[in-house]
């Protein structure tokens, strides 16, 4: 997947999340809630645009240094449904089994 074509989106997500944290909202919780909601929309609407949104939020989550393992179950569902693997999301990282 060409992440650079989504770089502006990723940076916007990270900027918004960091601003919310400055206002007192936990950024990890905010991202996880967003990821779950986007995945739920994907499942109910059967529209991959929501799955892409969840994937972009997942990528932002990882780029902000948060742990994959903590939410592995939902992350695996998103990756599997989109047809990508962990390495596609976080290049250079070891595969998580």
C-alpha atoms as a PDB file:
ATOM      1  CA  UNK A   1       0.000   0.000   0.000  1.00  0.00           C
ATOM      2  CA  UNK A   2       1.315   3.437  -0.910  1.00  0.00           C
ATOM      3  CA  UNK A   3       1.165   5.238   2.425  1.00  0.00           C
ATOM      4  CA  UNK A   4       2.677   8.415   1.032  1.00  0.00           C
ATOM      5  CA  UNK A   5      -0.493   9.054  -0.955  1.00  0.00           C
ATOM      6  CA  UNK A   6      -2.279   9.161   2.424  1.00  0.00           C
ATOM      7  CA  UNK A   7       0.422  11.122   4.272  1.00  0.00           C
ATOM      8  CA  UNK A   8      -1.701  14.296   4.501  1.00  0.00           C
ATOM      9  CA  UNK A   9      -4.605  12.292   5.952  1.00  0.00           C
ATOM     10  CA  UNK A  10      -2.337  10.580   8.473  1.00  0.00           C
ATOM     11  CA  UNK A  11      -0.771  13.842   9.589  1.00  0.00           C
ATOM     12  CA  UNK A  12      -4.219  15.445   9.913  1.00  0.00           C
ATOM     13  CA  UNK A  13      -5.405  12.576  12.125  1.00  0.00           C
ATOM     14  CA  UNK A  14      -2.314  12.853  14.317  1.00  0.00           C
ATOM     15  CA  UNK A  15      -2.602  16.636  14.545  1.00  0.00           C
ATOM     16  CA  UNK A  16      -6.287  16.464  15.509  1.00  0.00           C
ATOM     17  CA  UNK A  17      -5.654  13.751  18.094  1.00  0.00           C
ATOM     18  CA  UNK A  18      -2.777  15.681  19.637  1.00  0.00           C
ATOM     19  CA  UNK A  19      -4.922  18.813  19.813  1.00  0.00           C
ATOM     20  CA  UNK A  20      -7.703  16.870  21.542  1.00  0.00           C
ATOM     21  CA  UNK A  21      -5.162  15.581  24.043  1.00  0.00           C
ATOM     22  CA  UNK A  22      -4.104  19.160  24.735  1.00  0.00           C
ATOM     23  CA  UNK A  23      -7.747  19.829  25.568  1.00  0.00           C
ATOM     24  CA  UNK A  24      -7.829  16.948  28.045  1.00  0.00           C
ATOM     25  CA  UNK A  25      -8.988  13.999  25.918  1.00  0.00           C
ATOM     26  CA  UNK A  26      -6.906  10.825  26.084  1.00  0.00           C
ATOM     27  CA  UNK A  27      -5.524  10.413  22.561  1.00  0.00           C
ATOM     28  CA  UNK A  28      -5.177   6.646  22.720  1.00  0.00           C
ATOM     29  CA  UNK A  29      -8.769   6.234  23.847  1.00  0.00           C
ATOM     30  CA  UNK A  30      -9.934   8.677  21.173  1.00  0.00           C
ATOM     31  CA  UNK A  31      -8.164   6.746  18.426  1.00  0.00           C
ATOM     32  CA  UNK A  32      -9.432   3.371  19.638  1.00  0.00           C
ATOM     33  CA  UNK A  33     -13.018   4.628  19.790  1.00  0.00           C
ATOM     34  CA  UNK A  34     -12.639   6.062  16.280  1.00  0.00           C
ATOM     35  CA  UNK A  35     -11.174   2.816  14.959  1.00  0.00           C
ATOM     36  CA  UNK A  36     -13.992   0.746  16.470  1.00  0.00           C
ATOM     37  CA  UNK A  37     -16.681   3.101  15.148  1.00  0.00           C
ATOM     38  CA  UNK A  38     -15.225   3.154  11.646  1.00  0.00           C
ATOM     39  CA  UNK A  39     -15.005  -0.637  11.646  1.00  0.00           C
ATOM     40  CA  UNK A  40     -18.624  -0.882  12.848  1.00  0.00           C
ATOM     41  CA  UNK A  41     -19.722   1.460  10.039  1.00  0.00           C
ATOM     42  CA  UNK A  42     -17.839  -0.724   7.573  1.00  0.00           C
ATOM     43  CA  UNK A  43     -19.634  -3.832   8.828  1.00  0.00           C
ATOM     44  CA  UNK A  44     -23.108  -2.263   8.771  1.00  0.00           C
ATOM     45  CA  UNK A  45     -22.748  -0.252   5.563  1.00  0.00           C
ATOM     46  CA  UNK A  46     -20.467  -2.676   3.683  1.00  0.00           C
ATOM     47  CA  UNK A  47     -18.490   0.312   2.405  1.00  0.00           C
ATOM     48  CA  UNK A  48     -14.714  -0.023   2.281  1.00  0.00           C
ATOM     49  CA  UNK A  49     -14.248   3.722   2.709  1.00  0.00           C
ATOM     50  CA  UNK A  50     -14.937   3.187   6.430  1.00  0.00           C
ATOM     51  CA  UNK A  51     -12.449   0.335   6.510  1.00  0.00           C
ATOM     52  CA  UNK A  52      -9.833   2.587   4.913  1.00  0.00           C
ATOM     53  CA  UNK A  53     -10.609   5.205   7.562  1.00  0.00           C
ATOM     54  CA  UNK A  54     -10.091   2.615  10.289  1.00  0.00           C
ATOM     55  CA  UNK A  55      -6.839   1.551   8.652  1.00  0.00           C
ATOM     56  CA  UNK A  56      -5.575   5.145   8.495  1.00  0.00           C
ATOM     57  CA  UNK A  57      -6.437   5.663  12.160  1.00  0.00           C
ATOM     58  CA  UNK A  58      -4.639   2.406  12.972  1.00  0.00           C
ATOM     59  CA  UNK A  59      -1.554   3.603  11.099  1.00  0.00           C
ATOM     60  CA  UNK A  60      -1.687   6.944  12.951  1.00  0.00           C
ATOM     61  CA  UNK A  61      -2.073   5.047  16.243  1.00  0.00           C
ATOM     62  CA  UNK A  62       1.116   3.100  15.526  1.00  0.00           C
ATOM     63  CA  UNK A  63       3.011   6.155  14.271  1.00  0.00           C
ATOM     64  CA  UNK A  64       2.199   7.880  17.556  1.00  0.00           C
ATOM     65  CA  UNK A  65       4.036   5.054  19.327  1.00  0.00           C
ATOM     66  CA  UNK A  66       1.094   3.167  20.753  1.00  0.00           C
ATOM     67  CA  UNK A  67       1.119  -0.605  21.129  1.00  0.00           C
ATOM     68  CA  UNK A  68      -0.379  -2.939  18.535  1.00  0.00           C
ATOM     69  CA  UNK A  69      -0.759  -5.806  21.003  1.00  0.00           C
ATOM     70  CA  UNK A  70      -3.029  -3.830  23.294  1.00  0.00           C
ATOM     71  CA  UNK A  71      -5.798  -3.862  20.654  1.00  0.00           C
ATOM     72  CA  UNK A  72      -4.620  -6.733  18.508  1.00  0.00           C
ATOM     73  CA  UNK A  73      -8.064  -8.296  18.045  1.00  0.00           C
ATOM     74  CA  UNK A  74      -9.725  -5.313  16.337  1.00  0.00           C
ATOM     75  CA  UNK A  75      -6.540  -4.428  14.472  1.00  0.00           C
ATOM     76  CA  UNK A  76      -6.290  -7.947  13.058  1.00  0.00           C
ATOM     77  CA  UNK A  77      -9.906  -7.778  11.883  1.00  0.00           C
ATOM     78  CA  UNK A  78      -9.231  -4.515  10.080  1.00  0.00           C
ATOM     79  CA  UNK A  79      -6.025  -5.756   8.471  1.00  0.00           C
ATOM     80  CA  UNK A  80      -7.613  -9.045   7.392  1.00  0.00           C
ATOM     81  CA  UNK A  81     -10.678  -7.358   5.925  1.00  0.00           C
ATOM     82  CA  UNK A  82      -8.565  -4.842   4.024  1.00  0.00           C
ATOM     83  CA  UNK A  83      -6.193  -7.545   2.809  1.00  0.00           C
ATOM     84  CA  UNK A  84      -2.970  -6.161   4.248  1.00  0.00           C
ATOM     85  CA  UNK A  85      -0.582  -7.426   6.890  1.00  0.00           C
ATOM     86  CA  UNK A  86       1.128  -5.799   9.837  1.00  0.00           C
ATOM     87  CA  UNK A  87       4.325  -5.199   7.849  1.00  0.00           C
ATOM     88  CA  UNK A  88       2.329  -3.232   5.276  1.00  0.00           C
ATOM     89  CA  UNK A  89       1.164  -0.920   8.036  1.00  0.00           C
ATOM     90  CA  UNK A  90       4.359  -0.540   9.981  1.00  0.00           C
ATOM     91  CA  UNK A  91       7.303  -1.175   7.686  1.00  0.00           C
ATOM     92  CA  UNK A  92      10.391  -2.536   9.355  1.00  0.00           C
ATOM     93  CA  UNK A  93       8.519  -4.029  12.281  1.00  0.00           C
ATOM     94  CA  UNK A  94       8.686  -7.713  12.997  1.00  0.00           C
ATOM     95  CA  UNK A  95       5.624  -9.775  12.190  1.00  0.00           C
ATOM     96  CA  UNK A  96       3.313 -10.245  15.121  1.00  0.00           C
ATOM     97  CA  UNK A  97       1.980 -13.755  15.421  1.00  0.00           C
END
